[in-house]
Structures are given as structure tokens and as C-alpha cells.
C-alpha atoms as a PDB file:
ATOM      1  CA  UNK A   1      16.761  21.782  -1.088  1.00  0.00           C
ATOM      2  CA  UNK A   2      16.182  23.812  -4.213  1.00  0.00           C
ATOM      3  CA  UNK A   3      13.040  23.457  -6.257  1.00  0.00           C
ATOM      4  CA  UNK A   4      13.309  22.586  -9.917  1.00  0.00           C
ATOM      5  CA  UNK A   5      11.002  24.034 -12.505  1.00  0.00           C
ATOM      6  CA  UNK A   6       8.338  21.770 -13.972  1.00  0.00           C
ATOM      7  CA  UNK A   7       6.740  23.439 -16.978  1.00  0.00           C
ATOM      8  CA  UNK A   8       3.727  22.221 -18.888  1.00  0.00           C
ATOM      9  CA  UNK A   9       2.692  22.258 -22.510  1.00  0.00           C
ATOM     10  CA  UNK A  10      -1.053  21.527 -22.374  1.00  0.00           C
ATOM     11  CA  UNK A  11      -3.190  20.469 -25.325  1.00  0.00           C
ATOM     12  CA  UNK A  12      -6.950  20.164 -25.069  1.00  0.00           C
ATOM     13  CA  UNK A  13      -8.930  18.109 -27.588  1.00  0.00           C
ATOM     14  CA  UNK A  14     -12.751  18.205 -27.700  1.00  0.00           C
ATOM     15  CA  UNK A  15     -12.842  19.984 -24.341  1.00  0.00           C
ATOM     16  CA  UNK A  16     -12.476  23.507 -22.993  1.00  0.00           C
ATOM     17  CA  UNK A  17      -9.108  24.616 -21.680  1.00  0.00           C
ATOM     18  CA  UNK A  18     -10.492  25.961 -18.422  1.00  0.00           C
ATOM     19  CA  UNK A  19      -8.249  27.780 -15.961  1.00  0.00           C
ATOM     20  CA  UNK A  20      -9.296  25.580 -12.982  1.00  0.00           C
ATOM     21  CA  UNK A  21      -8.329  22.479 -14.983  1.00  0.00           C
ATOM     22  CA  UNK A  22      -4.956  23.981 -15.933  1.00  0.00           C
ATOM     23  CA  UNK A  23      -4.267  24.959 -12.318  1.00  0.00           C
ATOM     24  CA  UNK A  24      -5.310  21.522 -11.042  1.00  0.00           C
ATOM     25  CA  UNK A  25      -2.891  19.739 -13.381  1.00  0.00           C
ATOM     26  CA  UNK A  26      -0.105  22.207 -12.616  1.00  0.00           C
ATOM     27  CA  UNK A  27      -0.537  21.947  -8.843  1.00  0.00           C
ATOM     28  CA  UNK A  28      -0.959  18.146  -8.624  1.00  0.00           C
ATOM     29  CA  UNK A  29       1.697  17.105 -11.125  1.00  0.00           C
ATOM     30  CA  UNK A  30       4.284  19.656  -9.981  1.00  0.00           C
ATOM     31  CA  UNK A  31       3.918  18.526  -6.348  1.00  0.00           C
ATOM     32  CA  UNK A  32       4.254  14.862  -7.308  1.00  0.00           C
ATOM     33  CA  UNK A  33       7.209  15.359  -9.648  1.00  0.00           C
ATOM     34  CA  UNK A  34       9.269  17.658  -7.440  1.00  0.00           C
ATOM     35  CA  UNK A  35       9.674  14.819  -4.937  1.00  0.00           C
ATOM     36  CA  UNK A  36      11.670  12.882  -7.524  1.00  0.00           C
ATOM     37  CA  UNK A  37      13.171  15.146 -10.171  1.00  0.00           C
ATOM     38  CA  UNK A  38      16.312  17.162  -9.687  1.00  0.00           C
ATOM     39  CA  UNK A  39      16.379  19.083 -12.947  1.00  0.00           C
ATOM     40  CA  UNK A  40      14.090  21.391 -14.910  1.00  0.00           C
ATOM     41  CA  UNK A  41      11.543  19.322 -16.813  1.00  0.00           C
ATOM     42  CA  UNK A  42       9.011  20.102 -19.529  1.00  0.00           C
ATOM     43  CA  UNK A  43       5.900  17.916 -19.508  1.00  0.00           C
ATOM     44  CA  UNK A  44       3.563  17.520 -22.476  1.00  0.00           C
ATOM     45  CA  UNK A  45      -0.014  17.099 -21.236  1.00  0.00           C
ATOM     46  CA  UNK A  46      -2.920  16.133 -23.473  1.00  0.00           C
ATOM     47  CA  UNK A  47      -6.496  16.197 -22.206  1.00  0.00           C
ATOM     48  CA  UNK A  48      -9.071  14.723 -24.512  1.00  0.00           C
ATOM     49  CA  UNK A  49     -12.758  13.919 -24.386  1.00  0.00           C
ATOM     50  CA  UNK A  50     -14.128  11.068 -26.512  1.00  0.00           C
ATOM     51  CA  UNK A  51     -17.841  10.515 -25.893  1.00  0.00           C
ATOM     52  CA  UNK A  52     -17.930   9.466 -22.220  1.00  0.00           C
ATOM     53  CA  UNK A  53     -14.187   8.942 -21.889  1.00  0.00           C
ATOM     54  CA  UNK A  54     -12.115  11.685 -20.276  1.00  0.00           C
ATOM     55  CA  UNK A  55      -8.483  10.980 -21.135  1.00  0.00           C
ATOM     56  CA  UNK A  56      -5.411  12.572 -19.537  1.00  0.00           C
ATOM     57  CA  UNK A  57      -1.980  11.843 -20.973  1.00  0.00           C
ATOM     58  CA  UNK A  58       1.500  12.974 -19.919  1.00  0.00           C
ATOM     59  CA  UNK A  59       4.887  12.501 -21.591  1.00  0.00           C
ATOM     60  CA  UNK A  60       8.254  13.869 -20.532  1.00  0.00           C
ATOM     61  CA  UNK A  61      11.969  13.134 -20.549  1.00  0.00           C
ATOM     62  CA  UNK A  62      13.943  13.128 -17.353  1.00  0.00           C
ATOM     63  CA  UNK A  63      17.256  11.510 -16.330  1.00  0.00           C
ATOM     64  CA  UNK A  64      17.758  10.550 -19.981  1.00  0.00           C
ATOM     65  CA  UNK A  65      14.616   8.385 -19.823  1.00  0.00           C
ATOM     66  CA  UNK A  66      11.241   8.874 -21.495  1.00  0.00           C
ATOM     67  CA  UNK A  67       8.203   8.670 -19.240  1.00  0.00           C
ATOM     68  CA  UNK A  68       4.661   8.293 -20.507  1.00  0.00           C
ATOM     69  CA  UNK A  69       1.311   7.743 -18.801  1.00  0.00           C
ATOM     70  CA  UNK A  70      -2.310   7.714 -19.951  1.00  0.00           C
ATOM     71  CA  UNK A  71      -5.375   7.436 -17.748  1.00  0.00           C
ATOM     72  CA  UNK A  72      -9.082   7.644 -18.515  1.00  0.00           C
ATOM     73  CA  UNK A  73     -12.336   7.755 -16.576  1.00  0.00           C
ATOM     74  CA  UNK A  74     -15.744   9.391 -16.793  1.00  0.00           C
ATOM     75  CA  UNK A  75     -14.394  12.526 -15.065  1.00  0.00           C
ATOM     76  CA  UNK A  76     -11.344  14.579 -16.117  1.00  0.00           C
ATOM     77  CA  UNK A  77     -10.307  15.316 -12.527  1.00  0.00           C
ATOM     78  CA  UNK A  78     -10.355  11.570 -11.708  1.00  0.00           C
ATOM     79  CA  UNK A  79      -8.279  10.923 -14.831  1.00  0.00           C
ATOM     80  CA  UNK A  80      -5.769  13.571 -13.742  1.00  0.00           C
ATOM     81  CA  UNK A  81      -5.540  12.092 -10.220  1.00  0.00           C
ATOM     82  CA  UNK A  82      -4.891   8.625 -11.686  1.00  0.00           C
ATOM     83  CA  UNK A  83      -2.317  10.139 -14.071  1.00  0.00           C
ATOM     84  CA  UNK A  84      -0.469  11.814 -11.186  1.00  0.00           C
ATOM     85  CA  UNK A  85      -0.443   8.490  -9.305  1.00  0.00           C
ATOM     86  CA  UNK A  86       0.858   6.671 -12.400  1.00  0.00           C
ATOM     87  CA  UNK A  87       3.650   9.221 -12.993  1.00  0.00           C
ATOM     88  CA  UNK A  88       4.644   9.144  -9.303  1.00  0.00           C
ATOM     89  CA  UNK A  89       4.848   5.353  -9.395  1.00  0.00           C
ATOM     90  CA  UNK A  90       7.050   5.423 -12.516  1.00  0.00           C
ATOM     91  CA  UNK A  91       9.381   8.035 -11.036  1.00  0.00           C
ATOM     92  CA  UNK A  92       9.587   6.161  -7.706  1.00  0.00           C
ATOM     93  CA  UNK A  93      10.433   2.910  -9.520  1.00  0.00           C
ATOM     94  CA  UNK A  94      13.063   4.664 -11.637  1.00  0.00           C
ATOM     95  CA  UNK A  95      14.634   6.273  -8.556  1.00  0.00           C
ATOM     96  CA  UNK A  96      14.742   2.919  -6.727  1.00  0.00           C
ATOM     97  CA  UNK A  97      16.324   1.259  -9.754  1.00  0.00           C
ATOM     98  CA  UNK A  98      18.959   3.985  -9.983  1.00  0.00           C
ATOM     99  CA  UNK A  99      19.787   3.831  -6.260  1.00  0.00           C
ATOM    100  CA  UNK A 100      20.253   0.056  -6.397  1.00  0.00           C
ATOM    101  CA  UNK A 101      22.755   0.407  -9.258  1.00  0.00           C
ATOM    102  CA  UNK A 102      24.968   2.844  -7.341  1.00  0.00           C
END
């Protein structure tokens, strides 16, 4: 099984673009997405801090469909974990829908 490239375009708003944060997103999201995608995909990630809200947002196109997820919590790593779960759920649902139609 060949691996497909998942690349990220990360934007940070009101927070520092730390290397550990970048690596965490890259590692978690790539692992989750490679279970479902079978093509190179570019993901737009936005991490934003508003007062006590840590918001992580992801948007990407895959299989001719737009996917979008936003999660927030009091901790950016928790927001990212929830985002990864949300994206995985969307991709799983899409895959199931596509397999039922064939």
C-alpha cells in the first residue's frame, strides 16, 4: 500500500507558531487521514487563540468533496485532538457512503 502525501498550510492567529505544535498537527492529522485518502491532499489549518478559547480549524478537498472541521477548547492540543477525531469521522462517513453506492 503506497502512502499519499498530506501537506499542510498552517496559519497561526494570536498565538506562536511553535515547532512542537506544527509537528503535533502534522503527525496526528497525517496518521488519521492516510487511513482514508488515496491521493495527495493539501490541508489548510488555522490555529487561533481568542481570550480563553483555543480554536483549531481544518479545511481540505478530497474525492471532489470539501471537508471542514472546527474544534475549540481551553487547550490547543485538546482542540487539535478533537479536530483529528472530527476529520476522521467525516472521512469514515464519506468512505462508507461511497462504498454503499458501488
